[in-house]
N, C-alpha and C. Protein backbone atom coordinates (compact mmCIF):
# COMPACT_ATOMS: atom_id res chain seq x y z
N MET A 1 -211.65 -41.15 94.20
CA MET A 1 -212.18 -41.47 92.88
C MET A 1 -211.66 -40.45 91.86
N ILE A 2 -211.42 -40.92 90.67
CA ILE A 2 -210.93 -40.05 89.60
C ILE A 2 -212.10 -39.25 89.04
N THR A 3 -211.95 -37.94 89.06
CA THR A 3 -213.03 -37.10 88.56
C THR A 3 -212.86 -36.76 87.09
N ASN A 4 -211.61 -36.73 86.62
CA ASN A 4 -211.37 -36.35 85.24
C ASN A 4 -210.17 -37.16 84.73
N ILE A 5 -210.36 -37.94 83.72
CA ILE A 5 -209.29 -38.80 83.20
C ILE A 5 -208.14 -37.99 82.63
N VAL A 6 -208.42 -36.82 82.08
CA VAL A 6 -207.36 -35.96 81.54
C VAL A 6 -206.43 -35.51 82.67
N GLU A 7 -206.99 -35.14 83.80
CA GLU A 7 -206.19 -34.74 84.96
C GLU A 7 -205.34 -35.90 85.45
N PHE A 8 -205.87 -37.11 85.40
CA PHE A 8 -205.11 -38.28 85.81
C PHE A 8 -203.84 -38.42 84.98
N PHE A 9 -203.95 -38.34 83.67
CA PHE A 9 -202.79 -38.49 82.80
C PHE A 9 -201.84 -37.30 82.91
N LYS A 10 -202.35 -36.10 83.15
CA LYS A 10 -201.49 -34.93 83.33
C LYS A 10 -200.65 -35.05 84.60
N ASN A 11 -201.16 -35.72 85.61
CA ASN A 11 -200.49 -35.81 86.90
C ASN A 11 -199.56 -37.01 87.03
N LEU A 12 -199.44 -37.82 86.00
CA LEU A 12 -198.50 -38.94 86.06
C LEU A 12 -197.07 -38.42 86.11
N PRO A 13 -196.20 -39.05 86.89
CA PRO A 13 -194.81 -38.59 86.94
C PRO A 13 -194.08 -38.93 85.64
N PRO A 14 -192.98 -38.25 85.35
CA PRO A 14 -192.20 -38.56 84.15
C PRO A 14 -191.67 -39.99 84.21
N LYS A 15 -191.66 -40.65 83.08
CA LYS A 15 -191.14 -42.02 83.05
C LYS A 15 -189.62 -42.00 83.11
N GLN A 16 -189.06 -43.03 83.73
CA GLN A 16 -187.62 -43.19 83.80
C GLN A 16 -187.25 -44.51 83.15
N CYS A 17 -186.08 -44.53 82.51
CA CYS A 17 -185.57 -45.73 81.88
C CYS A 17 -185.28 -46.78 82.96
N ALA A 18 -185.69 -48.01 82.71
CA ALA A 18 -185.46 -49.09 83.67
C ALA A 18 -183.99 -49.48 83.73
N SER A 19 -183.21 -49.17 82.69
CA SER A 19 -181.80 -49.55 82.66
C SER A 19 -180.88 -48.47 83.25
N CYS A 20 -181.03 -47.23 82.78
CA CYS A 20 -180.08 -46.18 83.19
C CYS A 20 -180.69 -45.12 84.10
N GLY A 21 -182.01 -45.06 84.19
CA GLY A 21 -182.65 -44.10 85.08
C GLY A 21 -182.91 -42.73 84.50
N SER A 22 -182.54 -42.50 83.24
CA SER A 22 -182.78 -41.20 82.62
C SER A 22 -184.27 -41.05 82.30
N HIS A 23 -184.71 -39.80 82.19
CA HIS A 23 -186.11 -39.55 81.87
C HIS A 23 -186.37 -39.88 80.40
N ILE A 24 -187.48 -40.52 80.14
CA ILE A 24 -187.87 -40.90 78.79
C ILE A 24 -188.77 -39.81 78.24
N GLU A 25 -188.40 -39.26 77.08
CA GLU A 25 -189.18 -38.19 76.44
C GLU A 25 -190.23 -38.81 75.54
N GLU A 26 -191.37 -39.18 76.13
CA GLU A 26 -192.50 -39.73 75.39
C GLU A 26 -193.73 -39.63 76.27
N GLN A 27 -194.82 -40.10 75.77
CA GLN A 27 -196.04 -40.06 76.56
C GLN A 27 -195.91 -40.99 77.76
N HIS A 28 -196.46 -40.56 78.89
CA HIS A 28 -196.33 -41.32 80.12
C HIS A 28 -197.09 -42.64 80.08
N ASP A 29 -198.10 -42.73 79.23
CA ASP A 29 -198.89 -43.95 79.19
C ASP A 29 -198.36 -44.95 78.16
N CYS A 30 -197.18 -44.69 77.61
CA CYS A 30 -196.57 -45.59 76.64
C CYS A 30 -196.10 -46.86 77.34
N TYR A 31 -196.03 -47.98 76.62
CA TYR A 31 -195.66 -49.25 77.22
C TYR A 31 -194.16 -49.44 77.35
N SER A 32 -193.37 -48.66 76.65
CA SER A 32 -191.92 -48.80 76.68
C SER A 32 -191.37 -48.40 78.05
N ASN A 33 -190.34 -49.12 78.53
CA ASN A 33 -189.75 -48.75 79.81
C ASN A 33 -188.24 -48.55 79.72
N THR A 34 -187.71 -48.45 78.49
CA THR A 34 -186.29 -48.15 78.29
C THR A 34 -186.15 -46.98 77.32
N CYS A 35 -185.09 -46.19 77.51
CA CYS A 35 -184.86 -45.05 76.62
C CYS A 35 -184.32 -45.56 75.27
N THR A 36 -184.27 -44.69 74.30
CA THR A 36 -183.82 -45.10 72.96
C THR A 36 -182.35 -45.51 72.97
N THR A 37 -181.54 -44.89 73.82
CA THR A 37 -180.12 -45.25 73.90
C THR A 37 -179.96 -46.68 74.40
N CYS A 38 -180.62 -47.02 75.48
CA CYS A 38 -180.52 -48.37 76.04
C CYS A 38 -181.19 -49.40 75.13
N ALA A 39 -182.29 -49.01 74.49
CA ALA A 39 -182.98 -49.93 73.59
C ALA A 39 -182.11 -50.26 72.38
N SER A 40 -181.33 -49.29 71.89
CA SER A 40 -180.47 -49.55 70.73
C SER A 40 -179.27 -50.41 71.12
N LYS A 41 -178.86 -50.39 72.38
CA LYS A 41 -177.76 -51.24 72.84
C LYS A 41 -178.17 -52.71 72.86
N ASP A 42 -179.46 -52.97 73.06
CA ASP A 42 -179.96 -54.34 73.15
C ASP A 42 -180.07 -55.02 71.79
N LEU A 43 -179.97 -54.26 70.71
CA LEU A 43 -180.12 -54.84 69.37
C LEU A 43 -178.94 -55.59 68.96
């Protein structure tokens, strides 16, 4: 059971881009799954 929600979010692993695999520099609980470089290629 989760004892502290802050600890839960602190312990999340770094997010990785779904396209290239690089680490995404943003909050781990964000809904985005692509880095800014890959997202700009899709435009």
